[in-house]
Amino acid sequence: LVIGIWDKAEASDAANVLKAIGSLLPPPPPGTPGPFALSEDGKMEKIIDSIGMELVYKCRVSCPFLYYSLNDGVKSFMGTGPAAAAMNYASKKHVEQTIADALQPYHLTEDFYHLQNSFLLFIAEK
């Protein structure tokens, strides 16, 4: 079994964009796990063990998001579940502008945007 998930929110710039999108949504019900809940230390290891599998490999993988225009970055994040949900509460234009604003800290030069992200990779076997 191979599992790839987001690392902790603080290890990924994309978390800041997702947080901005989330600001357009109503608060989740109390006790609802966040999008990075499985990234907590030991969480996946516990789940893997609970299903009778053995963790044989774990690593952190760098996963940069490179956009060659602001429009490309906005389109990428518009394809996420949080953006789709946000359009139930805000106009498409408002969601797109929220994403564009959140991408500004990652604007390097010309139309080039770079977000450094980290994922966790787990390999388990029976």
Protein backbone atom coordinates (compact mmCIF):
# COMPACT_ATOMS: atom_id res chain seq x y z
CA LEU A 1 0.00 0.00 0.00
CA VAL A 2 1.41 3.39 -1.00
CA ILE A 3 -0.03 6.52 0.64
CA GLY A 4 0.85 10.11 -0.20
CA ILE A 5 -0.57 12.94 1.92
CA TRP A 6 0.16 16.58 2.70
CA ASP A 7 2.83 17.16 5.32
CA LYS A 8 1.92 19.48 8.19
CA ALA A 9 0.40 22.80 7.11
CA GLU A 10 3.46 24.79 8.15
CA ALA A 11 5.58 22.74 5.71
CA SER A 12 3.59 23.82 2.66
CA ASP A 13 2.99 27.25 1.15
CA ALA A 14 -0.20 25.97 -0.49
CA ALA A 15 -1.72 25.72 2.99
CA ASN A 16 -1.83 29.53 3.09
CA VAL A 17 -3.79 29.67 -0.16
CA LEU A 18 -6.18 26.97 1.07
CA LYS A 19 -6.62 28.90 4.32
CA ALA A 20 -7.56 32.02 2.35
CA ILE A 21 -10.14 30.01 0.40
CA GLY A 22 -11.39 28.57 3.69
CA SER A 23 -12.05 32.09 4.97
CA LEU A 24 -14.94 32.20 2.49
CA LEU A 25 -16.58 29.15 4.08
CA PRO A 26 -18.67 28.93 7.24
CA PRO A 27 -16.84 27.42 10.23
CA PRO A 28 -16.86 23.61 10.23
CA PRO A 29 -18.81 21.79 12.95
CA PRO A 30 -16.89 21.40 16.22
CA GLY A 31 -14.50 18.46 16.18
CA THR A 32 -14.26 18.30 12.39
CA PRO A 33 -10.71 17.30 11.44
CA GLY A 34 -8.89 19.76 9.22
CA PRO A 35 -7.29 18.97 5.87
CA PHE A 36 -3.94 18.26 7.51
CA ALA A 37 -5.25 16.01 10.32
CA LEU A 38 -3.59 12.88 8.93
CA SER A 39 -0.24 14.69 8.91
CA GLU A 40 -0.02 14.78 12.71
CA ASP A 41 3.01 12.92 14.07
CA GLY A 42 2.27 9.22 14.33
CA LYS A 43 -1.29 9.45 12.94
CA MET A 44 -0.72 7.48 9.72
CA GLU A 45 1.54 5.00 11.48
CA LYS A 46 -1.29 4.28 13.95
CA ILE A 47 -3.81 3.83 11.13
CA ILE A 48 -1.49 1.53 9.19
CA ASP A 49 -0.95 -0.57 12.31
CA SER A 50 -4.70 -0.66 13.06
CA ILE A 51 -5.44 -2.26 9.67
CA GLY A 52 -2.88 -4.99 10.26
CA MET A 53 -0.18 -3.67 7.97
CA GLU A 54 3.48 -2.95 8.63
CA LEU A 55 5.07 0.37 7.73
CA VAL A 56 8.17 -0.42 5.68
CA TYR A 57 9.07 3.06 4.45
CA LYS A 58 8.28 6.69 5.23
CA CYS A 59 9.78 9.85 3.79
CA ARG A 60 9.11 13.52 3.18
CA VAL A 61 8.89 14.57 -0.46
CA SER A 62 9.38 18.08 -1.77
CA CYS A 63 6.60 19.08 -4.15
CA PRO A 64 6.99 22.60 -5.50
CA PHE A 65 4.08 24.20 -7.32
CA LEU A 66 5.39 26.31 -10.21
CA TYR A 67 3.03 28.58 -12.09
CA TYR A 68 4.04 30.55 -15.15
CA SER A 69 1.21 33.04 -14.70
CA LEU A 70 -1.16 34.20 -11.99
CA ASN A 71 -4.00 32.81 -14.09
CA ASP A 72 -2.41 29.34 -14.04
CA GLY A 73 -2.13 29.46 -10.25
CA VAL A 74 -5.70 30.62 -9.83
CA LYS A 75 -6.99 27.90 -12.19
CA SER A 76 -5.03 25.27 -10.27
CA PHE A 77 -6.55 26.21 -6.92
CA MET A 78 -10.03 26.63 -8.44
CA GLY A 79 -9.89 22.87 -9.05
CA THR A 80 -9.71 22.10 -5.32
CA GLY A 81 -12.54 20.94 -3.09
CA PRO A 82 -12.33 24.04 -0.87
CA ALA A 83 -12.71 26.35 -3.89
CA ALA A 84 -15.72 24.38 -5.15
CA ALA A 85 -17.29 24.61 -1.69
CA ALA A 86 -16.50 28.33 -1.43
CA MET A 87 -18.52 28.97 -4.59
CA ASN A 88 -21.59 27.92 -2.61
CA TYR A 89 -21.05 31.05 -0.47
CA ALA A 90 -19.25 33.51 -2.76
CA SER A 91 -19.17 34.30 -6.45
CA LYS A 92 -16.64 32.60 -8.71
CA LYS A 93 -14.99 35.97 -9.26
CA HIS A 94 -14.65 36.53 -5.50
CA VAL A 95 -13.10 33.07 -5.01
CA GLU A 96 -10.69 33.69 -7.90
CA GLN A 97 -9.69 37.08 -6.45
CA THR A 98 -9.15 35.53 -3.01
CA ILE A 99 -6.81 32.97 -4.55
CA ALA A 100 -5.00 35.62 -6.61
CA ASP A 101 -4.46 37.72 -3.47
CA ALA A 102 -3.20 34.69 -1.53
CA LEU A 103 -0.71 33.87 -4.30
CA GLN A 104 0.94 37.32 -4.21
CA PRO A 105 3.58 36.43 -1.56
CA TYR A 106 4.79 33.69 -3.92
CA HIS A 107 5.27 35.97 -6.93
CA LEU A 108 8.95 35.78 -7.85
CA THR A 109 9.40 37.67 -11.09
CA GLU A 110 7.44 38.52 -14.23
CA ASP A 111 4.51 36.11 -14.09
CA PHE A 112 6.36 33.35 -12.23
CA TYR A 113 4.90 32.01 -8.96
CA HIS A 114 6.55 29.39 -6.73
CA LEU A 115 5.07 27.60 -3.72
CA GLN A 116 7.23 25.15 -1.81
CA ASN A 117 5.25 22.21 -0.46
CA SER A 118 5.98 19.02 1.37
CA PHE A 119 4.18 15.68 1.24
CA LEU A 120 4.60 12.52 3.29
CA LEU A 121 4.98 9.16 1.58
CA PHE A 122 4.20 5.91 3.37
CA ILE A 123 4.69 2.37 2.09
CA ALA A 124 3.09 -0.45 4.04
CA GLU A 125 2.72 -4.16 3.47
CA LYS A 126 0.89 -7.15 4.94
